[in-house]
Each structure stands twice: as structure tokens, then as C-alpha cells.
Amino acid sequence: MPLHKDYKRCITALVLTLCPLFAVHAAEPYPTKPVRLLVGFSAGGANDLVGRIVAAKLSSRMNQPVVIDNRAGAGGNIAHEIATKATPDGYTMVLASVTSLAMSPGLLGKVPYDPVADFSFVAQLVEASSLLSVHPSIPVKTLAEFVSRAKQQPGSLNVANPGTGSIAHLSFELFKTTAGIRVVNVPYKGGGPAVIDVLSGQVGSLVSVISTGVPHIKAGRLRGLAISSLARSPILPEVPTIAESGYPGFEANGWLGLAFPAKTPTAIVNRLQQDALAVMALPDLREQLQNAGLEPSVKDGAAFKRYVQAELVKWTKLIKESNVKAD
């Protein structure tokens, strides 16, 4: 039976009325609610520091809170796995790290995610070198003395690190292989807990990202022996590099960036990339990072993805050749 003309006109009017509302809803600007930033290490460490500094600036720019969610454990892999299983709607991202994306696959043989295919890369943020330091009660003042003692008394030195598979841990493992020494590895769930035990004297030595050790070295609570970058750090110019301490060419830097789960809409990835690049250009943010011993090193999403792929090959090769194993 044909519809009555008045009824048809009502249906048409209703559709014409609702269509603009649907269009407005579909075009609703991102974000409309808080964005979660997963950090794979506990509060107090360098990863957490970078996450919080960047999140604060992003929150202001995006007009929505960027909330830190610390998920420590497995060298950051837990946070990355959670990210890959999150709904790809732009409201969960991860502080992507060299440990989880470039080191863990070689260290563990297998991780519960694809370090490239399971992520939509937004931007690289910083690079960081690792720092070897000792409690003042340990009678070594140089890297050469540390190595000498380790060789004379194998296994007598305990070295705390932020976690198995962290950049600090693997940088030092590679140095151990290079120097031919044997020490006791003491992993923690983050840089904060590790430094607390070293400051209290429960563990004699610490390998950490440089930002974790800087304030304690400046205060005289720790003694810096060497850093893993090729050049000295402007924030700790008195501490030599491993390369200039008898191991030419030695270099092992970490990096952090932002990534969404794979299949996050391109428009959202591009929006976040634009915001991330903008906040990383802010002089006060760059100063905050540099004062903590972290070097701003910015790449857009495409360049960051290529870098992750290259770093994955590099670290997998180095781990295999150096026979580094997870504890």
C-alpha cells in the first residue's frame, strides 16, 4: 500500500532534520575525553619523567588531560602489550621505548606483539645515554678501576638497573662483554627503586639512564664513572664517556617516542603528531628535558617507524653476537 503523502513528507522532514546532527557528531573534534599514556616503568625513572613532561604540555594543547598510566614490568613490554590490545580510537597510546621495540625481541626471542606492525607511530621525542655510577663507599673512582676490580674479584660487584631488557641494562651488558668482566646484575622495576637501594648502600653500583643519576652525582651521593654516548653530556661534563675511557667507538643510546595501537585512524595519528612536534619545539620543555640529561631528538611518525626498524636490526644483531641473555 503506498504511503500517505503527508506521512512521506513527515519522514522526509525528519531525515533532513537529523542528518545535520549526525554529521556534526561524526565530525566531532578529537579528543573529547582524557587520553591515556602508558608508561612501561614505575614513577620516578626517566621514562616516567619524559612521559609526565610531555603529557603536561599535550594536555594544555589538546584541551583534554593526558593521563599517565604506569604499567611497570618485563622491561616495558607489559605496557606495550596493553597498548596493542587497546581499542584503536586514539584514547590509548604508549611511550614507545628502545627496550620494548628494539631490544626485547632479540633478548627474549619472542614478545607478545610485533614491534613494528602492531603500532601506529606518532613521533620520536628524546634520546638518552646510560650512566654507570657507584656509591661513595665503593673504592673505585674511574671506569678503569671498576673494570680492574671486576676482573680481580669476579662477581664481587653488584650493579642495579631499572629492569631486565631496559636500555641501561643492555647497554651495560654490552659493555661487560666488551670489557670481559663479570658482575652481579640486580634488576628492579624502574629507575626509582634501583637508585633508592644504591643510595642506601644496599647495592654498590648503578647503571641507569643519565637523568636518574644526575641529581645524586651533583649532590655527592653517587660517583659517576662513565656514560654510554660518544660525546660527554652537557649536564655532566666531568663524567667521561666509555669510548674515551679505553673502549673507542662504544656507543649505546636509548630513545623514547609516542605510538598508538595499529589501525588508529590516520587523521587522529596526524593530529597527535602535529601536537607532539609542536610541544617538542617549546623552549621550556626542551630545557626541562636537557636539565634532566635527556636530549630532545624529534622525528615524525614515518621517520620514527623507519628508525625503529633499523634499531630492531641493530640491537638484535648486537644481542646475538654478545650472547646477552635475559635473567
C-alpha atoms as a PDB file:
ATOM      1  CA  MET A   1       0.000   0.000   0.000  1.00  0.00           C
ATOM      2  CA  PRO A   2       1.528   3.404  -0.931  1.00  0.00           C
ATOM      3  CA  LEU A   3       2.416   5.765   1.906  1.00  0.00           C
ATOM      4  CA  HIS A   4       0.121   8.698   2.547  1.00  0.00           C
ATOM      5  CA  LYS A   5       1.591  11.910   1.106  1.00  0.00           C
ATOM      6  CA  ASP A   6       1.579  13.700   4.491  1.00  0.00           C
ATOM      7  CA  TYR A   7       3.336  10.739   6.128  1.00  0.00           C
ATOM      8  CA  LYS A   8       6.006  10.722   3.426  1.00  0.00           C
ATOM      9  CA  ARG A   9       6.549  14.452   3.902  1.00  0.00           C
ATOM     10  CA  CYS A  10       6.992  13.916   7.667  1.00  0.00           C
ATOM     11  CA  ILE A  11       9.587  11.172   7.117  1.00  0.00           C
ATOM     12  CA  THR A  12      11.481  13.380   4.668  1.00  0.00           C
ATOM     13  CA  ALA A  13      11.447  16.311   7.081  1.00  0.00           C
ATOM     14  CA  LEU A  14      12.652  14.112   9.932  1.00  0.00           C
ATOM     15  CA  VAL A  15      15.550  12.774   7.855  1.00  0.00           C
ATOM     16  CA  LEU A  16      16.540  16.282   6.763  1.00  0.00           C
ATOM     17  CA  THR A  17      16.457  17.405  10.393  1.00  0.00           C
ATOM     18  CA  LEU A  18      18.579  14.531  11.736  1.00  0.00           C
ATOM     19  CA  CYS A  19      21.219  14.412   9.001  1.00  0.00           C
ATOM     20  CA  PRO A  20      22.998  17.584  10.110  1.00  0.00           C
ATOM     21  CA  LEU A  21      23.050  16.277  13.690  1.00  0.00           C
ATOM     22  CA  PHE A  22      24.662  13.033  12.563  1.00  0.00           C
ATOM     23  CA  ALA A  23      27.176  14.996  10.517  1.00  0.00           C
ATOM     24  CA  VAL A  24      28.080  17.189  13.484  1.00  0.00           C
ATOM     25  CA  HIS A  25      28.562  14.114  15.665  1.00  0.00           C
ATOM     26  CA  ALA A  26      30.709  12.394  13.032  1.00  0.00           C
ATOM     27  CA  ALA A  27      32.888  15.484  12.707  1.00  0.00           C
ATOM     28  CA  GLU A  28      33.268  15.879  16.476  1.00  0.00           C
ATOM     29  CA  PRO A  29      36.835  17.071  17.045  1.00  0.00           C
ATOM     30  CA  TYR A  30      39.400  14.772  18.674  1.00  0.00           C
ATOM     31  CA  PRO A  31      39.901  14.425  21.589  1.00  0.00           C
ATOM     32  CA  THR A  32      36.650  14.664  23.525  1.00  0.00           C
ATOM     33  CA  LYS A  33      37.838  12.846  26.661  1.00  0.00           C
ATOM     34  CA  PRO A  34      41.112  12.101  28.520  1.00  0.00           C
ATOM     35  CA  VAL A  35      43.864  10.269  26.644  1.00  0.00           C
ATOM     36  CA  ARG A  36      45.784   7.510  28.438  1.00  0.00           C
ATOM     37  CA  LEU A  37      49.576   7.380  28.053  1.00  0.00           C
ATOM     38  CA  LEU A  38      51.003   4.009  29.074  1.00  0.00           C
ATOM     39  CA  VAL A  39      54.499   4.127  30.565  1.00  0.00           C
ATOM     40  CA  GLY A  40      56.286   0.811  30.940  1.00  0.00           C
ATOM     41  CA  PHE A  41      58.281   1.699  34.053  1.00  0.00           C
ATOM     42  CA  SER A  42      57.453   2.892  37.557  1.00  0.00           C
ATOM     43  CA  ALA A  43      57.208   6.505  38.698  1.00  0.00           C
ATOM     44  CA  GLY A  44      60.491   8.263  39.378  1.00  0.00           C
ATOM     45  CA  GLY A  45      62.530   6.937  36.467  1.00  0.00           C
ATOM     46  CA  ALA A  46      63.497   8.607  33.190  1.00  0.00           C
ATOM     47  CA  ASN A  47      60.648   7.072  31.176  1.00  0.00           C
ATOM     48  CA  ASP A  48      58.128   8.383  33.680  1.00  0.00           C
ATOM     49  CA  LEU A  49      59.819  11.805  33.705  1.00  0.00           C
ATOM     50  CA  VAL A  50      59.621  12.154  29.924  1.00  0.00           C
ATOM     51  CA  GLY A  51      56.030  10.940  29.905  1.00  0.00           C
ATOM     52  CA  ARG A  52      54.922  13.447  32.513  1.00  0.00           C
ATOM     53  CA  ILE A  53      56.745  16.430  30.997  1.00  0.00           C
ATOM     54  CA  VAL A  54      55.325  15.767  27.531  1.00  0.00           C
ATOM     55  CA  ALA A  55      51.863  14.812  28.818  1.00  0.00           C
ATOM     56  CA  ALA A  56      51.531  18.112  30.673  1.00  0.00           C
ATOM     57  CA  LYS A  57      52.224  20.115  27.518  1.00  0.00           C
ATOM     58  CA  LEU A  58      49.991  17.914  25.362  1.00  0.00           C
ATOM     59  CA  SER A  59      47.145  18.302  27.866  1.00  0.00           C
ATOM     60  CA  SER A  60      47.273  22.078  27.512  1.00  0.00           C
ATOM     61  CA  ARG A  61      47.453  21.956  23.732  1.00  0.00           C
ATOM     62  CA  MET A  62      44.723  19.322  23.286  1.00  0.00           C
ATOM     63  CA  ASN A  63      42.363  20.751  25.933  1.00  0.00           C
ATOM     64  CA  GLN A  64      41.990  17.271  27.423  1.00  0.00           C
ATOM     65  CA  PRO A  65      44.050  15.563  30.147  1.00  0.00           C
ATOM     66  CA  VAL A  66      46.775  13.184  29.004  1.00  0.00           C
ATOM     67  CA  VAL A  67      46.876  10.781  31.941  1.00  0.00           C
ATOM     68  CA  ILE A  68      49.968   8.737  32.799  1.00  0.00           C
ATOM     69  CA  ASP A  69      49.300   5.041  33.427  1.00  0.00           C
ATOM     70  CA  ASN A  70      52.438   3.357  34.825  1.00  0.00           C
ATOM     71  CA  ARG A  71      52.485  -0.360  33.950  1.00  0.00           C
ATOM     72  CA  ALA A  72      55.910  -1.484  35.110  1.00  0.00           C
ATOM     73  CA  GLY A  73      57.403  -4.874  34.395  1.00  0.00           C
ATOM     74  CA  ALA A  74      59.120  -7.031  31.768  1.00  0.00           C
ATOM     75  CA  GLY A  75      61.379  -4.193  30.664  1.00  0.00           C
ATOM     76  CA  GLY A  76      58.403  -2.139  29.487  1.00  0.00           C
ATOM     77  CA  ASN A  77      56.839  -4.960  27.467  1.00  0.00           C
ATOM     78  CA  ILE A  78      53.692  -5.147  29.611  1.00  0.00           C
ATOM     79  CA  ALA A  79      52.719  -1.573  28.752  1.00  0.00           C
ATOM     80  CA  HIS A  80      53.373  -2.151  25.051  1.00  0.00           C
ATOM     81  CA  GLU A  81      51.273  -5.320  25.029  1.00  0.00           C
ATOM     82  CA  ILE A  82      48.406  -3.486  26.727  1.00  0.00           C
ATOM     83  CA  ALA A  83      48.658  -0.774  24.074  1.00  0.00           C
ATOM     84  CA  THR A  84      48.384  -3.241  21.196  1.00  0.00           C
ATOM     85  CA  LYS A  85      45.222  -4.736  22.712  1.00  0.00           C
ATOM     86  CA  ALA A  86      43.553  -1.380  23.331  1.00  0.00           C
ATOM     87  CA  THR A  87      40.781  -0.071  21.098  1.00  0.00           C
ATOM     88  CA  PRO A  88      42.489   1.921  18.308  1.00  0.00           C
ATOM     89  CA  ASP A  89      40.386   5.023  18.825  1.00  0.00           C
ATOM     90  CA  GLY A  90      43.088   7.500  19.800  1.00  0.00           C
ATOM     91  CA  TYR A  91      42.463   7.344  23.533  1.00  0.00           C
ATOM     92  CA  THR A  92      45.293   4.952  24.434  1.00  0.00           C
ATOM     93  CA  MET A  93      48.910   5.477  23.435  1.00  0.00           C
ATOM     94  CA  VAL A  94      52.235   4.223  24.739  1.00  0.00           C
ATOM     95  CA  LEU A  95      55.575   5.828  25.470  1.00  0.00           C
ATOM     96  CA  ALA A  96      57.378   3.686  22.906  1.00  0.00           C
ATOM     97  CA  SER A  97      60.866   2.673  24.050  1.00  0.00           C
ATOM     98  CA  VAL A  98      64.002   1.187  22.562  1.00  0.00           C
ATOM     99  CA  THR A  99      63.848  -1.566  25.177  1.00  0.00           C
ATOM    100  CA  SER A 100      60.462  -2.924  24.134  1.00  0.00           C
ATOM    101  CA  LEU A 101      60.589  -2.305  20.404  1.00  0.00           C
ATOM    102  CA  ALA A 102      64.242  -2.870  19.505  1.00  0.00           C
ATOM    103  CA  MET A 103      65.859  -4.875  22.306  1.00  0.00           C
ATOM    104  CA  SER A 104      63.335  -7.274  23.820  1.00  0.00           C
ATOM    105  CA  PRO A 105      62.706  -9.255  20.617  1.00  0.00           C
ATOM    106  CA  GLY A 106      66.398 -10.193  20.471  1.00  0.00           C
ATOM    107  CA  LEU A 107      66.775 -10.590  24.208  1.00  0.00           C
ATOM    108  CA  LEU A 108      63.715 -12.783  24.728  1.00  0.00           C
ATOM    109  CA  GLY A 109      63.421 -14.399  21.323  1.00  0.00           C
ATOM    110  CA  LYS A 110      59.721 -13.518  21.200  1.00  0.00           C
ATOM    111  CA  VAL A 111      57.470 -10.763  22.515  1.00  0.00           C
ATOM    112  CA  PRO A 112      53.629 -10.739  22.574  1.00  0.00           C
ATOM    113  CA  TYR A 113      53.406  -8.111  19.827  1.00  0.00           C
ATOM    114  CA  ASP A 114      55.031  -7.180  16.541  1.00  0.00           C
ATOM    115  CA  PRO A 115      57.384  -4.264  17.353  1.00  0.00           C
ATOM    116  CA  VAL A 116      56.565  -2.526  14.070  1.00  0.00           C
ATOM    117  CA  ALA A 117      53.293  -3.824  12.604  1.00  0.00           C
ATOM    118  CA  ASP A 118      51.265  -3.567  15.837  1.00  0.00           C
ATOM    119  CA  PHE A 119      51.825   0.181  16.274  1.00  0.00           C
ATOM    120  CA  SER A 120      50.945   3.448  14.578  1.00  0.00           C
ATOM    121  CA  PHE A 121      53.977   5.637  15.187  1.00  0.00           C
ATOM    122  CA  VAL A 122      53.389   9.268  16.112  1.00  0.00           C
ATOM    123  CA  ALA A 123      56.802  10.829  16.825  1.00  0.00           C
ATOM    124  CA  GLN A 124      60.172  10.233  18.440  1.00  0.00           C
ATOM    125  CA  LEU A 125      60.786  12.531  21.392  1.00  0.00           C
ATOM    126  CA  VAL A 126      64.177  12.061  23.054  1.00  0.00           C
ATOM    127  CA  GLU A 127      67.429  10.148  23.189  1.00  0.00           C
ATOM    128  CA  ALA A 128      69.235   9.214  26.398  1.00  0.00           C
ATOM    129  CA  SER A 129      72.602   7.768  27.266  1.00  0.00           C
ATOM    130  CA  SER A 130      73.253   5.374  30.129  1.00  0.00           C
ATOM    131  CA  LEU A 131      75.382   6.182  33.157  1.00  0.00           C
ATOM    132  CA  LEU A 132      77.465   3.909  35.372  1.00  0.00           C
ATOM    133  CA  SER A 133      77.817   5.223  38.908  1.00  0.00           C
ATOM    134  CA  VAL A 134      78.825   3.844  42.306  1.00  0.00           C
ATOM    135  CA  HIS A 135      78.040   4.506  45.921  1.00  0.00           C
ATOM    136  CA  PRO A 136      80.834   6.593  47.542  1.00  0.00           C
ATOM    137  CA  SER A 137      81.670   3.606  49.766  1.00  0.00           C
ATOM    138  CA  ILE A 138      82.885   1.656  46.716  1.00  0.00           C
ATOM    139  CA  PRO A 139      86.641   2.374  46.384  1.00  0.00           C
ATOM    140  CA  VAL A 140      86.724   2.986  42.622  1.00  0.00           C
ATOM    141  CA  LYS A 141      86.964   6.413  41.006  1.00  0.00           C
ATOM    142  CA  THR A 142      87.287   5.579  37.310  1.00  0.00           C
ATOM    143  CA  LEU A 143      85.915   3.085  34.831  1.00  0.00           C
ATOM    144  CA  ALA A 144      89.373   1.528  34.579  1.00  0.00           C
ATOM    145  CA  GLU A 145      89.391   0.909  38.339  1.00  0.00           C
ATOM    146  CA  PHE A 146      85.881  -0.566  38.162  1.00  0.00           C
ATOM    147  CA  VAL A 147      86.956  -2.972  35.414  1.00  0.00           C
ATOM    148  CA  SER A 148      90.160  -3.860  37.260  1.00  0.00           C
ATOM    149  CA  ARG A 149      88.261  -4.704  40.437  1.00  0.00           C
ATOM    150  CA  ALA A 150      85.680  -6.737  38.491  1.00  0.00           C
ATOM    151  CA  LYS A 151      88.440  -8.756  36.860  1.00  0.00           C
ATOM    152  CA  GLN A 152      90.374  -9.304  40.080  1.00  0.00           C
ATOM    153  CA  GLN A 153      87.243 -10.277  42.020  1.00  0.00           C
ATOM    154  CA  PRO A 154      84.707 -11.719  39.510  1.00  0.00           C
ATOM    155  CA  GLY A 155      81.137 -11.483  40.775  1.00  0.00           C
ATOM    156  CA  SER A 156      82.048  -9.239  43.714  1.00  0.00           C
ATOM    157  CA  LEU A 157      80.380  -6.105  42.308  1.00  0.00           C
ATOM    158  CA  ASN A 158      76.579  -5.762  42.372  1.00  0.00           C
ATOM    159  CA  VAL A 159      75.076  -3.472  39.725  1.00  0.00           C
ATOM    160  CA  ALA A 160      71.459  -2.307  39.983  1.00  0.00           C
ATOM    161  CA  ASN A 161      69.490  -1.440  36.836  1.00  0.00           C
ATOM    162  CA  PRO A 162      65.933  -0.255  36.036  1.00  0.00           C
ATOM    163  CA  GLY A 163      64.856  -3.672  34.760  1.00  0.00           C
ATOM    164  CA  THR A 164      65.911  -6.611  32.624  1.00  0.00           C
ATOM    165  CA  GLY A 165      65.779  -5.549  28.995  1.00  0.00           C
ATOM    166  CA  SER A 166      65.960  -1.825  29.769  1.00  0.00           C
ATOM    167  CA  ILE A 167      68.370   0.333  27.768  1.00  0.00           C
ATOM    168  CA  ALA A 168      70.535   0.762  30.858  1.00  0.00           C
ATOM    169  CA  HIS A 169      70.685  -2.989  31.451  1.00  0.00           C
ATOM    170  CA  LEU A 170      71.514  -3.917  27.870  1.00  0.00           C
ATOM    171  CA  SER A 171      73.960  -1.053  27.391  1.00  0.00           C
ATOM    172  CA  PHE A 172      75.868  -2.348  30.398  1.00  0.00           C
ATOM    173  CA  GLU A 173      75.579  -5.966  29.283  1.00  0.00           C
ATOM    174  CA  LEU A 174      77.201  -4.969  26.015  1.00  0.00           C
ATOM    175  CA  PHE A 175      79.906  -3.134  27.927  1.00  0.00           C
ATOM    176  CA  LYS A 176      80.501  -6.192  30.136  1.00  0.00           C
ATOM    177  CA  THR A 177      81.054  -8.261  27.004  1.00  0.00           C
ATOM    178  CA  THR A 178      83.330  -5.613  25.526  1.00  0.00           C
ATOM    179  CA  ALA A 179      85.388  -5.296  28.710  1.00  0.00           C
ATOM    180  CA  GLY A 180      85.344  -9.007  29.536  1.00  0.00           C
ATOM    181  CA  ILE A 181      84.091  -8.625  33.104  1.00  0.00           C
ATOM    182  CA  ARG A 182      81.588 -10.481  35.299  1.00  0.00           C
ATOM    183  CA  VAL A 183      79.401  -8.683  37.843  1.00  0.00           C
ATOM    184  CA  VAL A 184      76.075  -9.457  39.536  1.00  0.00           C
ATOM    185  CA  ASN A 185      73.076  -7.980  37.716  1.00  0.00           C
ATOM    186  CA  VAL A 186      70.351  -6.669  40.081  1.00  0.00           C
ATOM    187  CA  PRO A 187      67.206  -5.729  38.109  1.00  0.00           C
ATOM    188  CA  TYR A 188      64.424  -3.527  39.507  1.00  0.00           C
ATOM    189  CA  LYS A 189      61.025  -2.426  38.230  1.00  0.00           C
ATOM    190  CA  GLY A 190      62.138   1.062  37.279  1.00  0.00           C
ATOM    191  CA  GLY A 191      64.929   3.542  37.875  1.00  0.00           C
ATOM    192  CA  GLY A 192      63.368   4.961  41.035  1.00  0.00           C
ATOM    193  CA  PRO A 193      63.520   1.768  43.126  1.00  0.00           C
ATOM    194  CA  ALA A 194      67.003   0.953  41.807  1.00  0.00           C
ATOM    195  CA  VAL A 195      68.507   4.285  42.790  1.00  0.00           C
ATOM    196  CA  ILE A 196      66.923   4.120  46.268  1.00  0.00           C
ATOM    197  CA  ASP A 197      68.739   0.884  47.085  1.00  0.00           C
ATOM    198  CA  VAL A 198      72.043   2.181  45.745  1.00  0.00           C
ATOM    199  CA  LEU A 199      71.749   5.430  47.707  1.00  0.00           C
ATOM    200  CA  SER A 200      71.107   3.408  50.869  1.00  0.00           C
ATOM    201  CA  GLY A 201      74.168   1.269  50.187  1.00  0.00           C
ATOM    202  CA  GLN A 202      72.252  -1.994  49.781  1.00  0.00           C
ATOM    203  CA  VAL A 203      73.667  -2.278  46.244  1.00  0.00           C
ATOM    204  CA  GLY A 204      77.062  -0.833  45.418  1.00  0.00           C
ATOM    205  CA  SER A 205      76.688   0.273  41.794  1.00  0.00           C
ATOM    206  CA  LEU A 206      74.012   1.596  39.469  1.00  0.00           C
ATOM    207  CA  VAL A 207      73.584   1.654  35.710  1.00  0.00           C
ATOM    208  CA  SER A 208      70.730   3.927  34.708  1.00  0.00           C
ATOM    209  CA  VAL A 209      69.728   6.425  32.105  1.00  0.00           C
ATOM    210  CA  ILE A 210      71.706   9.557  32.803  1.00  0.00           C
ATOM    211  CA  SER A 211      68.731  11.577  34.057  1.00  0.00           C
ATOM    212  CA  THR A 212      68.232   9.220  37.005  1.00  0.00           C
ATOM    213  CA  GLY A 213      71.746   9.674  38.337  1.00  0.00           C
ATOM    214  CA  VAL A 214      72.404  13.367  37.643  1.00  0.00           C
ATOM    215  CA  PRO A 215      70.940  14.920  40.827  1.00  0.00           C
ATOM    216  CA  HIS A 216      72.608  12.342  43.065  1.00  0.00           C
ATOM    217  CA  ILE A 217      76.020  12.788  41.444  1.00  0.00           C
ATOM    218  CA  LYS A 218      75.778  16.560  41.752  1.00  0.00           C
ATOM    219  CA  ALA A 219      74.835  16.152  45.425  1.00  0.00           C
ATOM    220  CA  GLY A 220      77.762  13.793  46.048  1.00  0.00           C
ATOM    221  CA  ARG A 221      75.553  10.827  46.902  1.00  0.00           C
ATOM    222  CA  LEU A 222      76.823   8.875  43.882  1.00  0.00           C
ATOM    223  CA  ARG A 223      80.095   8.924  41.944  1.00  0.00           C
ATOM    224  CA  GLY A 224      79.794   8.952  38.146  1.00  0.00           C
ATOM    225  CA  LEU A 225      82.246   6.724  36.281  1.00  0.00           C
ATOM    226  CA  ALA A 226      81.222   6.829  32.602  1.00  0.00           C
ATOM    227  CA  ILE A 227      78.365   7.394  30.144  1.00  0.00           C
ATOM    228  CA  SER A 228      77.471   5.387  27.042  1.00  0.00           C
ATOM    229  CA  SER A 229      77.190   8.155  24.434  1.00  0.00           C
ATOM    230  CA  LEU A 230      80.052   9.102  22.131  1.00  0.00           C
ATOM    231  CA  ALA A 231      80.125  12.674  23.446  1.00  0.00           C
ATOM    232  CA  ARG A 232      80.062  13.864  27.028  1.00  0.00           C
ATOM    233  CA  SER A 233      76.784  15.136  28.390  1.00  0.00           C
ATOM    234  CA  PRO A 234      76.472  18.920  28.838  1.00  0.00           C
ATOM    235  CA  ILE A 235      74.778  18.276  32.171  1.00  0.00           C
ATOM    236  CA  LEU A 236      77.609  16.056  33.461  1.00  0.00           C
ATOM    237  CA  PRO A 237      80.687  17.341  31.602  1.00  0.00           C
ATOM    238  CA  GLU A 238      83.028  15.989  34.271  1.00  0.00           C
ATOM    239  CA  VAL A 239      81.976  12.376  33.630  1.00  0.00           C
ATOM    240  CA  PRO A 240      83.885  10.778  30.717  1.00  0.00           C
ATOM    241  CA  THR A 241      82.393   8.525  28.061  1.00  0.00           C
ATOM    242  CA  ILE A 242      83.057   4.795  27.898  1.00  0.00           C
ATOM    243  CA  ALA A 243      84.554   5.417  24.443  1.00  0.00           C
ATOM    244  CA  GLU A 244      87.215   7.780  25.810  1.00  0.00           C
ATOM    245  CA  SER A 245      87.872   5.542  28.818  1.00  0.00           C
ATOM    246  CA  GLY A 246      89.607   2.831  26.849  1.00  0.00           C
ATOM    247  CA  TYR A 247      86.822   1.476  24.601  1.00  0.00           C
ATOM    248  CA  PRO A 248      86.914   3.523  21.371  1.00  0.00           C
ATOM    249  CA  GLY A 249      83.676   3.637  19.408  1.00  0.00           C
ATOM    250  CA  PHE A 250      81.467   2.260  22.183  1.00  0.00           C
ATOM    251  CA  GLU A 251      78.004   3.829  21.982  1.00  0.00           C
ATOM    252  CA  ALA A 252      74.574   2.743  23.220  1.00  0.00           C
ATOM    253  CA  ASN A 253      71.770   5.291  23.340  1.00  0.00           C
ATOM    254  CA  GLY A 254      68.165   4.861  24.306  1.00  0.00           C
ATOM    255  CA  TRP A 255      65.160   6.636  22.823  1.00  0.00           C
ATOM    256  CA  LEU A 256      61.510   7.273  23.569  1.00  0.00           C
ATOM    257  CA  GLY A 257      58.574   8.276  21.408  1.00  0.00           C
ATOM    258  CA  LEU A 258      54.798   8.097  21.112  1.00  0.00           C
ATOM    259  CA  ALA A 259      52.762   5.377  19.409  1.00  0.00           C
ATOM    260  CA  PHE A 260      49.134   4.341  19.111  1.00  0.00           C
ATOM    261  CA  PRO A 261      47.835   0.823  18.529  1.00  0.00           C
ATOM    262  CA  ALA A 262      47.863  -0.196  14.862  1.00  0.00           C
ATOM    263  CA  LYS A 263      44.736   0.757  12.889  1.00  0.00           C
ATOM    264  CA  THR A 264      44.245   4.012  14.795  1.00  0.00           C
ATOM    265  CA  PRO A 265      42.613   6.380  12.274  1.00  0.00           C
ATOM    266  CA  THR A 266      45.180   8.282  10.231  1.00  0.00           C
ATOM    267  CA  ALA A 267      43.523  11.610  10.996  1.00  0.00           C
ATOM    268  CA  ILE A 268      43.993  11.035  14.738  1.00  0.00           C
ATOM    269  CA  VAL A 269      47.610   9.903  14.317  1.00  0.00           C
ATOM    270  CA  ASN A 270      48.328  13.004  12.236  1.00  0.00           C
ATOM    271  CA  ARG A 271      46.628  15.258  14.773  1.00  0.00           C
ATOM    272  CA  LEU A 272      48.662  13.838  17.647  1.00  0.00           C
ATOM    273  CA  GLN A 273      51.839  14.008  15.573  1.00  0.00           C
ATOM    274  CA  GLN A 274      51.206  17.689  14.905  1.00  0.00           C
ATOM    275  CA  ASP A 275      50.658  18.334  18.618  1.00  0.00           C
ATOM    276  CA  ALA A 276      53.712  16.306  19.666  1.00  0.00           C
ATOM    277  CA  LEU A 277      56.030  18.092  17.237  1.00  0.00           C
ATOM    278  CA  ALA A 278      54.662  21.430  18.414  1.00  0.00           C
ATOM    279  CA  VAL A 279      55.216  20.796  22.120  1.00  0.00           C
ATOM    280  CA  MET A 280      58.681  19.366  21.492  1.00  0.00           C
ATOM    281  CA  ALA A 281      59.625  22.709  19.924  1.00  0.00           C
ATOM    282  CA  LEU A 282      58.758  24.622  23.105  1.00  0.00           C
ATOM    283  CA  PRO A 283      61.921  26.117  24.655  1.00  0.00           C
ATOM    284  CA  ASP A 284      60.824  25.485  28.247  1.00  0.00           C
ATOM    285  CA  LEU A 285      60.038  21.817  27.563  1.00  0.00           C
ATOM    286  CA  ARG A 286      63.374  21.294  25.828  1.00  0.00           C
ATOM    287  CA  GLU A 287      65.130  22.960  28.744  1.00  0.00           C
ATOM    288  CA  GLN A 288      63.337  20.692  31.226  1.00  0.00           C
ATOM    289  CA  LEU A 289      64.448  17.613  29.338  1.00  0.00           C
ATOM    290  CA  GLN A 290      68.034  18.781  28.875  1.00  0.00           C
ATOM    291  CA  ASN A 291      68.337  19.716  32.543  1.00  0.00           C
ATOM    292  CA  ALA A 292      67.409  16.112  33.303  1.00  0.00           C
ATOM    293  CA  GLY A 293      70.091  14.790  30.957  1.00  0.00           C
ATOM    294  CA  LEU A 294      67.700  13.908  28.134  1.00  0.00           C
ATOM    295  CA  GLU A 295      68.389  15.163  24.632  1.00  0.00           C
ATOM    296  CA  PRO A 296      65.368  16.197  22.522  1.00  0.00           C
ATOM    297  CA  SER A 297      65.587  14.174  19.301  1.00  0.00           C
ATOM    298  CA  VAL A 298      62.443  14.611  17.251  1.00  0.00           C
ATOM    299  CA  LYS A 299      61.275  12.570  14.279  1.00  0.00           C
ATOM    300  CA  ASP A 300      57.840  12.496  12.680  1.00  0.00           C
ATOM    301  CA  GLY A 301      55.860   9.275  12.594  1.00  0.00           C
ATOM    302  CA  ALA A 302      57.201   7.967   9.273  1.00  0.00           C
ATOM    303  CA  ALA A 303      60.833   8.677  10.168  1.00  0.00           C
ATOM    304  CA  PHE A 304      60.318   7.214  13.635  1.00  0.00           C
ATOM    305  CA  LYS A 305      58.964   3.986  12.159  1.00  0.00           C
ATOM    306  CA  ARG A 306      61.997   3.651   9.871  1.00  0.00           C
ATOM    307  CA  TYR A 307      64.298   4.286  12.827  1.00  0.00           C
ATOM    308  CA  VAL A 308      62.554   1.619  14.934  1.00  0.00           C
ATOM    309  CA  GLN A 309      63.019  -0.871  12.109  1.00  0.00           C
ATOM    310  CA  ALA A 310      66.740  -0.040  11.847  1.00  0.00           C
ATOM    311  CA  GLU A 311      67.246  -0.164  15.619  1.00  0.00           C
ATOM    312  CA  LEU A 312      65.492  -3.539  15.814  1.00  0.00           C
ATOM    313  CA  VAL A 313      68.006  -4.975  13.337  1.00  0.00           C
ATOM    314  CA  LYS A 314      70.959  -3.316  15.108  1.00  0.00           C
ATOM    315  CA  TRP A 315      70.143  -4.441  18.647  1.00  0.00           C
ATOM    316  CA  THR A 316      69.056  -7.944  17.660  1.00  0.00           C
ATOM    317  CA  LYS A 317      72.415  -8.403  15.953  1.00  0.00           C
ATOM    318  CA  LEU A 318      74.398  -6.991  18.883  1.00  0.00           C
ATOM    319  CA  ILE A 319      72.500  -9.074  21.456  1.00  0.00           C
ATOM    320  CA  LYS A 320      73.054 -12.260  19.465  1.00  0.00           C
ATOM    321  CA  GLU A 321      76.751 -11.582  18.869  1.00  0.00           C
ATOM    322  CA  SER A 322      77.321 -10.633  22.515  1.00  0.00           C
ATOM    323  CA  ASN A 323      75.282 -13.633  23.773  1.00  0.00           C
ATOM    324  CA  VAL A 324      73.299 -11.432  26.162  1.00  0.00           C
ATOM    325  CA  LYS A 325      70.529 -13.370  27.926  1.00  0.00           C
ATOM    326  CA  ALA A 326      67.526 -12.278  29.975  1.00  0.00           C
ATOM    327  CA  ASP A 327      67.742 -13.175  33.661  1.00  0.00           C
END
